PDB file of all heavy atoms in Angstrom:
ATOM      1  N   ILE A   1      20.109 -18.894  10.839  1.00  0.00           N
ATOM      2  CA  ILE A   1      18.970 -19.808  10.837  1.00  0.00           C
ATOM      3  C   ILE A   1      17.773 -19.171  10.134  1.00  0.00           C
ATOM      4  O   ILE A   1      16.979 -19.853   9.485  1.00  0.00           O
ATOM      5  CB  ILE A   1      18.607 -20.218  12.278  1.00  0.00           C
ATOM      6  CG1 ILE A   1      19.730 -21.043  12.887  1.00  0.00           C
ATOM      7  CG2 ILE A   1      17.305 -21.015  12.312  1.00  0.00           C
ATOM      8  CD1 ILE A   1      19.477 -21.509  14.301  1.00  0.00           C
ATOM      9  N   SER A   2      17.650 -17.853  10.242  1.00  0.00           N
ATOM     10  CA  SER A   2      16.503 -17.168   9.636  1.00  0.00           C
ATOM     11  C   SER A   2      16.442 -17.385   8.130  1.00  0.00           C
ATOM     12  O   SER A   2      15.372 -17.353   7.532  1.00  0.00           O
ATOM     13  CB  SER A   2      16.549 -15.670   9.949  1.00  0.00           C
ATOM     14  OG  SER A   2      17.753 -15.095   9.473  1.00  0.00           O
ATOM     15  N   LYS A   3      17.610 -17.632   7.496  1.00  0.00           N
ATOM     16  CA  LYS A   3      17.612 -17.879   6.057  1.00  0.00           C
ATOM     17  C   LYS A   3      17.024 -19.240   5.720  1.00  0.00           C
ATOM     18  O   LYS A   3      16.592 -19.479   4.597  1.00  0.00           O
ATOM     19  CB  LYS A   3      19.036 -17.780   5.503  1.00  0.00           C
ATOM     20  CG  LYS A   3      19.597 -16.369   5.476  1.00  0.00           C
ATOM     21  CD  LYS A   3      20.935 -16.327   4.757  1.00  0.00           C
ATOM     22  CE  LYS A   3      21.463 -14.900   4.657  1.00  0.00           C
ATOM     23  NZ  LYS A   3      22.763 -14.847   3.944  1.00  0.00           N
ATOM     24  N   GLU A   4      17.017 -20.132   6.700  1.00  0.00           N
ATOM     25  CA  GLU A   4      16.517 -21.488   6.477  1.00  0.00           C
ATOM     26  C   GLU A   4      15.036 -21.618   6.844  1.00  0.00           C
ATOM     27  O   GLU A   4      14.438 -22.660   6.608  1.00  0.00           O
ATOM     28  CB  GLU A   4      17.326 -22.488   7.312  1.00  0.00           C
ATOM     29  CG  GLU A   4      18.818 -22.505   7.025  1.00  0.00           C
ATOM     30  CD  GLU A   4      19.160 -23.250   5.752  1.00  0.00           C
ATOM     31  OE1 GLU A   4      18.263 -23.878   5.169  1.00  0.00           O
ATOM     32  OE2 GLU A   4      20.339 -23.206   5.348  1.00  0.00           O
ATOM     33  N   GLU A   5      14.460 -20.587   7.434  1.00  0.00           N
ATOM     34  CA  GLU A   5      13.084 -20.697   7.908  1.00  0.00           C
ATOM     35  C   GLU A   5      12.124 -21.083   6.776  1.00  0.00           C
ATOM     36  O   GLU A   5      12.071 -20.413   5.752  1.00  0.00           O
ATOM     37  CB  GLU A   5      12.610 -19.369   8.490  1.00  0.00           C
ATOM     38  CG  GLU A   5      13.244 -18.991   9.805  1.00  0.00           C
ATOM     39  CD  GLU A   5      12.700 -17.668  10.298  1.00  0.00           C
ATOM     40  OE1 GLU A   5      13.072 -16.626   9.739  1.00  0.00           O
ATOM     41  OE2 GLU A   5      11.883 -17.690  11.222  1.00  0.00           O
ATOM     42  N   PRO A   6      11.317 -22.126   6.968  1.00  0.00           N
ATOM     43  CA  PRO A   6      10.357 -22.532   5.933  1.00  0.00           C
ATOM     44  C   PRO A   6       9.055 -21.743   6.030  1.00  0.00           C
ATOM     45  O   PRO A   6       7.984 -22.290   6.300  1.00  0.00           O
ATOM     46  CB  PRO A   6      10.148 -24.016   6.245  1.00  0.00           C
ATOM     47  CG  PRO A   6      10.283 -24.081   7.739  1.00  0.00           C
ATOM     48  CD  PRO A   6      11.333 -23.055   8.099  1.00  0.00           C
ATOM     49  N   VAL A   7       9.162 -20.441   5.827  1.00  0.00           N
ATOM     50  CA  VAL A   7       7.983 -19.576   5.906  1.00  0.00           C
ATOM     51  C   VAL A   7       7.930 -18.669   4.682  1.00  0.00           C
ATOM     52  O   VAL A   7       8.958 -18.341   4.078  1.00  0.00           O
ATOM     53  CB  VAL A   7       7.983 -18.709   7.191  1.00  0.00           C
ATOM     54  CG1 VAL A   7       7.675 -19.548   8.415  1.00  0.00           C
ATOM     55  CG2 VAL A   7       9.306 -17.976   7.365  1.00  0.00           C
ATOM     56  N   ASN A   8       6.730 -18.276   4.342  1.00  0.00           N
ATOM     57  CA  ASN A   8       6.520 -17.373   3.225  1.00  0.00           C
ATOM     58  C   ASN A   8       7.194 -16.027   3.486  1.00  0.00           C
ATOM     59  O   ASN A   8       7.288 -15.580   4.628  1.00  0.00           O
ATOM     60  CB  ASN A   8       5.009 -17.177   3.021  1.00  0.00           C
ATOM     61  CG  ASN A   8       4.668 -16.427   1.762  1.00  0.00           C
ATOM     62  OD1 ASN A   8       4.721 -15.208   1.725  1.00  0.00           O
ATOM     63  ND2 ASN A   8       4.308 -17.163   0.724  1.00  0.00           N
ATOM     64  N   ARG A   9       7.636 -15.390   2.414  1.00  0.00           N
ATOM     65  CA  ARG A   9       8.322 -14.099   2.547  1.00  0.00           C
ATOM     66  C   ARG A   9       7.446 -13.082   3.275  1.00  0.00           C
ATOM     67  O   ARG A   9       7.937 -12.260   4.047  1.00  0.00           O
ATOM     68  CB  ARG A   9       8.700 -13.571   1.157  1.00  0.00           C
ATOM     69  CG  ARG A   9       9.395 -12.218   1.173  1.00  0.00           C
ATOM     70  CD  ARG A   9       9.896 -11.833  -0.206  1.00  0.00           C
ATOM     71  NE  ARG A   9      10.462 -10.504  -0.216  1.00  0.00           N
ATOM     72  CZ  ARG A   9       9.757  -9.394  -0.492  1.00  0.00           C
ATOM     73  NH1 ARG A   9       8.475  -9.480  -0.787  1.00  0.00           N
ATOM     74  NH2 ARG A   9      10.339  -8.203  -0.473  1.00  0.00           N
ATOM     75  N   GLN A  10       6.131 -13.140   3.059  1.00  0.00           N
ATOM     76  CA  GLN A  10       5.239 -12.207   3.739  1.00  0.00           C
ATOM     77  C   GLN A  10       5.308 -12.370   5.257  1.00  0.00           C
ATOM     78  O   GLN A  10       5.182 -11.395   6.000  1.00  0.00           O
ATOM     79  CB  GLN A  10       3.798 -12.397   3.266  1.00  0.00           C
ATOM     80  CG  GLN A  10       3.410 -11.578   2.061  1.00  0.00           C
ATOM     81  CD  GLN A  10       3.310 -10.084   2.374  1.00  0.00           C
ATOM     82  OE1 GLN A  10       2.898  -9.675   3.455  1.00  0.00           O
ATOM     83  NE2 GLN A  10       3.680  -9.263   1.406  1.00  0.00           N
ATOM     84  N   TYR A  11       5.517 -13.587   5.720  1.00  0.00           N
ATOM     85  CA  TYR A  11       5.642 -13.828   7.154  1.00  0.00           C
ATOM     86  C   TYR A  11       6.816 -13.033   7.723  1.00  0.00           C
ATOM     87  O   TYR A  11       6.697 -12.375   8.759  1.00  0.00           O
ATOM     88  CB  TYR A  11       5.839 -15.319   7.421  1.00  0.00           C
ATOM     89  CG  TYR A  11       6.063 -15.665   8.876  1.00  0.00           C
ATOM     90  CD1 TYR A  11       4.998 -15.972   9.700  1.00  0.00           C
ATOM     91  CD2 TYR A  11       7.351 -15.683   9.427  1.00  0.00           C
ATOM     92  CE1 TYR A  11       5.198 -16.285  11.039  1.00  0.00           C
ATOM     93  CE2 TYR A  11       7.561 -15.989  10.759  1.00  0.00           C
ATOM     94  CZ  TYR A  11       6.477 -16.292  11.561  1.00  0.00           C
ATOM     95  OH  TYR A  11       6.675 -16.590  12.887  1.00  0.00           O
ATOM     96  N   LYS A  12       7.950 -13.091   7.029  1.00  0.00           N
ATOM     97  CA  LYS A  12       9.133 -12.379   7.501  1.00  0.00           C
ATOM     98  C   LYS A  12       8.927 -10.867   7.455  1.00  0.00           C
ATOM     99  O   LYS A  12       9.374 -10.138   8.350  1.00  0.00           O
ATOM    100  CB  LYS A  12      10.344 -12.777   6.664  1.00  0.00           C
ATOM    101  CG  LYS A  12      10.706 -14.255   6.765  1.00  0.00           C
ATOM    102  CD  LYS A  12      11.923 -14.596   5.925  1.00  0.00           C
ATOM    103  CE  LYS A  12      12.265 -16.078   6.020  1.00  0.00           C
ATOM    104  NZ  LYS A  12      13.466 -16.435   5.239  1.00  0.00           N
ATOM    105  N   LEU A  13       8.239 -10.400   6.419  1.00  0.00           N
ATOM    106  CA  LEU A  13       7.962  -8.963   6.314  1.00  0.00           C
ATOM    107  C   LEU A  13       7.066  -8.493   7.457  1.00  0.00           C
ATOM    108  O   LEU A  13       7.291  -7.428   8.044  1.00  0.00           O
ATOM    109  CB  LEU A  13       7.306  -8.656   4.966  1.00  0.00           C
ATOM    110  CG  LEU A  13       8.190  -8.838   3.723  1.00  0.00           C
ATOM    111  CD1 LEU A  13       7.366  -8.668   2.449  1.00  0.00           C
ATOM    112  CD2 LEU A  13       9.354  -7.848   3.729  1.00  0.00           C
ATOM    113  N   LEU A  14       6.043  -9.297   7.779  1.00  0.00           N
ATOM    114  CA  LEU A  14       5.155  -8.919   8.878  1.00  0.00           C
ATOM    115  C   LEU A  14       5.884  -8.987  10.222  1.00  0.00           C
ATOM    116  O   LEU A  14       5.636  -8.170  11.109  1.00  0.00           O
ATOM    117  CB  LEU A  14       3.919  -9.821   8.906  1.00  0.00           C
ATOM    118  CG  LEU A  14       2.915  -9.644   7.770  1.00  0.00           C
ATOM    119  CD1 LEU A  14       1.635 -10.421   8.071  1.00  0.00           C
ATOM    120  CD2 LEU A  14       2.577  -8.173   7.523  1.00  0.00           C
ATOM    121  N   ARG A  15       6.780  -9.953  10.368  1.00  0.00           N
ATOM    122  CA  ARG A  15       7.554 -10.032  11.613  1.00  0.00           C
ATOM    123  C   ARG A  15       8.438  -8.799  11.772  1.00  0.00           C
ATOM    124  O   ARG A  15       8.572  -8.259  12.877  1.00  0.00           O
ATOM    125  CB  ARG A  15       8.399 -11.306  11.617  1.00  0.00           C
ATOM    126  CG  ARG A  15       9.134 -11.543  12.933  1.00  0.00           C
ATOM    127  CD  ARG A  15       9.834 -12.894  12.919  1.00  0.00           C
ATOM    128  NE  ARG A  15      10.783 -12.980  11.814  1.00  0.00           N
ATOM    129  CZ  ARG A  15      11.321 -14.135  11.407  1.00  0.00           C
ATOM    130  NH1 ARG A  15      10.980 -15.273  11.996  1.00  0.00           N
ATOM    131  NH2 ARG A  15      12.179 -14.150  10.409  1.00  0.00           N
ATOM    132  N   ASP A  16       9.019  -8.324  10.674  1.00  0.00           N
ATOM    133  CA  ASP A  16       9.814  -7.091  10.734  1.00  0.00           C
ATOM    134  C   ASP A  16       8.947  -5.911  11.159  1.00  0.00           C
ATOM    135  O   ASP A  16       9.367  -5.071  11.973  1.00  0.00           O
ATOM    136  CB  ASP A  16      10.442  -6.801   9.369  1.00  0.00           C
ATOM    137  CG  ASP A  16      11.551  -7.788   9.017  1.00  0.00           C
ATOM    138  OD1 ASP A  16      12.033  -8.498   9.914  1.00  0.00           O
ATOM    139  OD2 ASP A  16      11.925  -7.859   7.824  1.00  0.00           O
ATOM    140  N   GLU A  17       7.728  -5.844  10.610  1.00  0.00           N
ATOM    141  CA  GLU A  17       6.822  -4.753  10.977  1.00  0.00           C
ATOM    142  C   GLU A  17       6.385  -4.873  12.430  1.00  0.00           C
ATOM    143  O   GLU A  17       6.209  -3.862  13.115  1.00  0.00           O
ATOM    144  CB  GLU A  17       5.600  -4.752  10.050  1.00  0.00           C
ATOM    145  CG  GLU A  17       5.910  -4.472   8.587  1.00  0.00           C
ATOM    146  CD  GLU A  17       6.474  -3.077   8.358  1.00  0.00           C
ATOM    147  OE1 GLU A  17       6.177  -2.158   9.167  1.00  0.00           O
ATOM    148  OE2 GLU A  17       7.218  -2.894   7.371  1.00  0.00           O
ATOM    149  N   LEU A  18       6.216  -6.089  12.896  1.00  0.00           N
ATOM    150  CA  LEU A  18       5.857  -6.303  14.296  1.00  0.00           C
ATOM    151  C   LEU A  18       6.955  -5.780  15.219  1.00  0.00           C
ATOM    152  O   LEU A  18       6.678  -5.137  16.238  1.00  0.00           O
ATOM    153  CB  LEU A  18       5.628  -7.794  14.541  1.00  0.00           C
ATOM    154  CG  LEU A  18       5.162  -8.213  15.930  1.00  0.00           C
ATOM    155  CD1 LEU A  18       3.803  -7.611  16.263  1.00  0.00           C
ATOM    156  CD2 LEU A  18       5.106  -9.729  16.037  1.00  0.00           C
ATOM    157  N   GLN A  19       8.196  -6.019  14.837  1.00  0.00           N
ATOM    158  CA  GLN A  19       9.314  -5.520  15.635  1.00  0.00           C
ATOM    159  C   GLN A  19       9.343  -3.993  15.650  1.00  0.00           C
ATOM    160  O   GLN A  19       9.654  -3.377  16.677  1.00  0.00           O
ATOM    161  CB  GLN A  19      10.625  -6.088  15.093  1.00  0.00           C
ATOM    162  CG  GLN A  19      10.774  -7.589  15.309  1.00  0.00           C
ATOM    163  CD  GLN A  19      11.956  -8.193  14.586  1.00  0.00           C
ATOM    164  OE1 GLN A  19      12.646  -7.514  13.832  1.00  0.00           O
ATOM    165  NE2 GLN A  19      12.197  -9.483  14.796  1.00  0.00           N
ATOM    166  N   LYS A  20       9.006  -3.377  14.516  1.00  0.00           N
ATOM    167  CA  LYS A  20       8.972  -1.912  14.460  1.00  0.00           C
ATOM    168  C   LYS A  20       7.901  -1.358  15.395  1.00  0.00           C
ATOM    169  O   LYS A  20       8.129  -0.374  16.126  1.00  0.00           O
ATOM    170  CB  LYS A  20       8.695  -1.447  13.031  1.00  0.00           C
ATOM    171  CG  LYS A  20       9.820  -1.727  12.050  1.00  0.00           C
ATOM    172  CD  LYS A  20       9.403  -1.304  10.636  1.00  0.00           C
ATOM    173  CE  LYS A  20      10.458  -1.701   9.608  1.00  0.00           C
ATOM    174  NZ  LYS A  20      10.019  -1.355   8.216  1.00  0.00           N
ATOM    175  N   LEU A  21       6.710  -1.976  15.379  1.00  0.00           N
ATOM    176  CA  LEU A  21       5.643  -1.507  16.261  1.00  0.00           C
ATOM    177  C   LEU A  21       6.009  -1.744  17.727  1.00  0.00           C
ATOM    178  O   LEU A  21       5.714  -0.906  18.586  1.00  0.00           O
ATOM    179  CB  LEU A  21       4.328  -2.212  15.924  1.00  0.00           C
ATOM    180  CG  LEU A  21       3.660  -1.811  14.600  1.00  0.00           C
ATOM    181  CD1 LEU A  21       2.357  -2.574  14.408  1.00  0.00           C
ATOM    182  CD2 LEU A  21       3.384  -0.303  14.557  1.00  0.00           C
ATOM    183  N   ALA A  22       6.648  -2.886  18.001  1.00  0.00           N
ATOM    184  CA  ALA A  22       7.059  -3.164  19.382  1.00  0.00           C
ATOM    185  C   ALA A  22       8.047  -2.113  19.875  1.00  0.00           C
ATOM    186  O   ALA A  22       8.008  -1.705  21.040  1.00  0.00           O
ATOM    187  CB  ALA A  22       7.670  -4.561  19.463  1.00  0.00           C
ATOM    188  N   LEU A  23       8.929  -1.657  18.992  1.00  0.00           N
ATOM    189  CA  LEU A  23       9.900  -0.624  19.362  1.00  0.00           C
ATOM    190  C   LEU A  23       9.187   0.686  19.683  1.00  0.00           C
ATOM    191  O   LEU A  23       9.533   1.375  20.657  1.00  0.00           O
ATOM    192  CB  LEU A  23      10.896  -0.422  18.227  1.00  0.00           C
ATOM    193  CG  LEU A  23      12.004   0.617  18.464  1.00  0.00           C
ATOM    194  CD1 LEU A  23      12.840   0.221  19.673  1.00  0.00           C
ATOM    195  CD2 LEU A  23      12.884   0.760  17.229  1.00  0.00           C
ATOM    196  N   ILE A  24       8.183   1.032  18.879  1.00  0.00           N
ATOM    197  CA  ILE A  24       7.423   2.266  19.154  1.00  0.00           C
ATOM    198  C   ILE A  24       6.715   2.160  20.496  1.00  0.00           C
ATOM    199  O   ILE A  24       6.741   3.080  21.312  1.00  0.00           O
ATOM    200  CB  ILE A  24       6.403   2.533  18.024  1.00  0.00           C
ATOM    201  CG1 ILE A  24       7.124   2.781  16.693  1.00  0.00           C
ATOM    202  CG2 ILE A  24       5.529   3.736  18.367  1.00  0.00           C
ATOM    203  CD1 ILE A  24       6.188   2.891  15.499  1.00  0.00           C
ATOM    204  N   VAL A  25       6.065   1.006  20.732  1.00  0.00           N
ATOM    205  CA  VAL A  25       5.329   0.809  21.984  1.00  0.00           C
ATOM    206  C   VAL A  25       6.268   0.900  23.188  1.00  0.00           C
ATOM    207  O   VAL A  25       5.901   1.445  24.232  1.00  0.00           O
ATOM    208  CB  VAL A  25       4.597  -0.557  21.962  1.00  0.00           C
ATOM    209  CG1 VAL A  25       4.058  -0.901  23.345  1.00  0.00           C
ATOM    210  CG2 VAL A  25       3.464  -0.526  20.950  1.00  0.00           C
ATOM    211  N   SER A  26       7.490   0.393  23.026  1.00  0.00           N
ATOM    212  CA  SER A  26       8.447   0.415  24.141  1.00  0.00           C
ATOM    213  C   SER A  26       8.790   1.831  24.586  1.00  0.00           C
ATOM    214  O   SER A  26       9.200   2.058  25.726  1.00  0.00           O
ATOM    215  CB  SER A  26       9.727  -0.335  23.750  1.00  0.00           C
ATOM    216  OG  SER A  26      10.457   0.386  22.765  1.00  0.00           O
ATOM    217  N   LYS A  27       8.613   2.801  23.686  1.00  0.00           N
ATOM    218  CA  LYS A  27       8.898   4.204  24.009  1.00  0.00           C
ATOM    219  C   LYS A  27       7.711   4.876  24.693  1.00  0.00           C
ATOM    220  O   LYS A  27       7.792   6.044  25.091  1.00  0.00           O
ATOM    221  CB  LYS A  27       9.276   4.965  22.738  1.00  0.00           C
ATOM    222  CG  LYS A  27      10.548   4.436  22.081  1.00  0.00           C
ATOM    223  CD  LYS A  27      10.846   5.159  20.767  1.00  0.00           C
ATOM    224  CE  LYS A  27      12.112   4.619  20.121  1.00  0.00           C
ATOM    225  NZ  LYS A  27      12.404   5.264  18.806  1.00  0.00           N
ATOM    226  N   LYS A  28       6.589   4.153  24.783  1.00  0.00           N
ATOM    227  CA  LYS A  28       5.384   4.611  25.480  1.00  0.00           C
ATOM    228  C   LYS A  28       4.930   6.006  25.026  1.00  0.00           C
ATOM    229  O   LYS A  28       4.797   6.930  25.840  1.00  0.00           O
ATOM    230  CB  LYS A  28       5.608   4.597  26.989  1.00  0.00           C
ATOM    231  CG  LYS A  28       5.920   3.206  27.526  1.00  0.00           C
ATOM    232  CD  LYS A  28       6.109   3.213  29.032  1.00  0.00           C
ATOM    233  CE  LYS A  28       6.403   1.805  29.537  1.00  0.00           C
ATOM    234  NZ  LYS A  28       6.602   1.763  31.004  1.00  0.00           N
ATOM    235  N   PRO A  29       4.674   6.166  23.733  1.00  0.00           N
ATOM    236  CA  PRO A  29       4.198   7.475  23.265  1.00  0.00           C
ATOM    237  C   PRO A  29       2.765   7.738  23.729  1.00  0.00           C
ATOM    238  O   PRO A  29       1.995   6.797  23.959  1.00  0.00           O
ATOM    239  CB  PRO A  29       4.256   7.323  21.741  1.00  0.00           C
ATOM    240  CG  PRO A  29       4.040   5.866  21.505  1.00  0.00           C
ATOM    241  CD  PRO A  29       4.733   5.168  22.657  1.00  0.00           C
ATOM    242  N   ALA A  30       2.418   9.003  23.887  1.00  0.00           N
ATOM    243  CA  ALA A  30       1.038   9.351  24.231  1.00  0.00           C
ATOM    244  C   ALA A  30       0.130   8.946  23.089  1.00  0.00           C
ATOM    245  O   ALA A  30       0.436   9.194  21.915  1.00  0.00           O
ATOM    246  CB  ALA A  30       0.936  10.856  24.490  1.00  0.00           C
ATOM    247  N   TRP A  31      -0.992   8.311  23.408  1.00  0.00           N
ATOM    248  CA  TRP A  31      -1.893   7.818  22.356  1.00  0.00           C
ATOM    249  C   TRP A  31      -3.340   8.054  22.779  1.00  0.00           C
ATOM    250  O   TRP A  31      -4.170   7.144  22.805  1.00  0.00           O
ATOM    251  CB  TRP A  31      -1.633   6.334  22.084  1.00  0.00           C
ATOM    252  CG  TRP A  31      -1.793   5.980  20.634  1.00  0.00           C
ATOM    253  CD1 TRP A  31      -2.918   5.523  20.022  1.00  0.00           C
ATOM    254  CD2 TRP A  31      -0.798   6.068  19.617  1.00  0.00           C
ATOM    255  NE1 TRP A  31      -2.687   5.316  18.684  1.00  0.00           N
ATOM    256  CE2 TRP A  31      -1.385   5.638  18.408  1.00  0.00           C
ATOM    257  CE3 TRP A  31       0.533   6.474  19.607  1.00  0.00           C
ATOM    258  CZ2 TRP A  31      -0.689   5.602  17.202  1.00  0.00           C
ATOM    259  CZ3 TRP A  31       1.223   6.426  18.414  1.00  0.00           C
ATOM    260  CH2 TRP A  31       0.618   6.000  17.229  1.00  0.00           C
ATOM    261  N   ASP A  32      -3.641   9.291  23.110  1.00  0.00           N
ATOM    262  CA  ASP A  32      -4.987   9.636  23.558  1.00  0.00           C
ATOM    263  C   ASP A  32      -5.965   9.600  22.399  1.00  0.00           C
ATOM    264  O   ASP A  32      -5.596   9.734  21.226  1.00  0.00           O
ATOM    265  CB  ASP A  32      -4.991  11.035  24.192  1.00  0.00           C
ATOM    266  CG  ASP A  32      -4.088  11.098  25.419  1.00  0.00           C
ATOM    267  OD1 ASP A  32      -3.971  10.078  26.100  1.00  0.00           O
ATOM    268  OD2 ASP A  32      -3.489  12.167  25.659  1.00  0.00           O
ATOM    269  N   SER A  33      -7.240   9.438  22.717  1.00  0.00           N
ATOM    270  CA  SER A  33      -8.283   9.401  21.694  1.00  0.00           C
ATOM    271  C   SER A  33      -8.512  10.800  21.128  1.00  0.00           C
ATOM    272  O   SER A  33      -8.617  11.787  21.867  1.00  0.00           O
ATOM    273  CB  SER A  33      -9.576   8.866  22.304  1.00  0.00           C
ATOM    274  OG  SER A  33     -10.582   8.777  21.336  1.00  0.00           O
TER     275      SER A  33
END
Protein backbone atom coordinates (compact mmCIF):
# COMPACT_ATOMS: atom_id res chain seq x y z
CA ILE A 1 0.00 0.00 0.00
CA SER A 2 2.91 2.35 0.72
CA LYS A 3 3.69 2.39 -3.01
CA GLU A 4 0.23 3.77 -3.68
CA GLU A 5 0.38 6.54 -1.08
CA PRO A 6 -0.49 9.92 -2.66
CA VAL A 7 2.23 11.81 -0.82
CA ASN A 8 5.33 13.67 -1.87
CA ARG A 9 8.60 11.73 -1.76
CA GLN A 10 9.86 14.09 0.95
CA TYR A 11 7.00 12.95 3.18
CA LYS A 12 8.18 9.35 2.96
CA LEU A 13 11.78 10.37 3.59
CA LEU A 14 10.80 12.31 6.71
CA ARG A 15 8.67 9.40 7.93
CA ASP A 16 11.71 7.12 7.59
CA GLU A 17 13.77 9.61 9.62
CA LEU A 18 11.01 9.79 12.21
CA GLN A 19 11.18 6.03 12.61
CA LYS A 20 14.96 6.22 13.07
CA LEU A 21 14.61 8.83 15.82
CA ALA A 22 11.84 6.82 17.47
CA LEU A 23 14.16 3.80 17.55
CA ILE A 24 16.90 5.85 19.24
CA VAL A 25 14.43 7.23 21.79
CA SER A 26 13.19 3.71 22.56
CA LYS A 27 16.71 2.84 23.75
CA LYS A 28 16.50 5.71 26.27
CA PRO A 29 20.02 7.10 25.80
CA ALA A 30 21.36 9.60 28.33
CA TRP A 31 20.72 13.11 27.02
CA ASP A 32 21.91 15.48 29.71
CA SER A 33 22.46 19.17 29.01
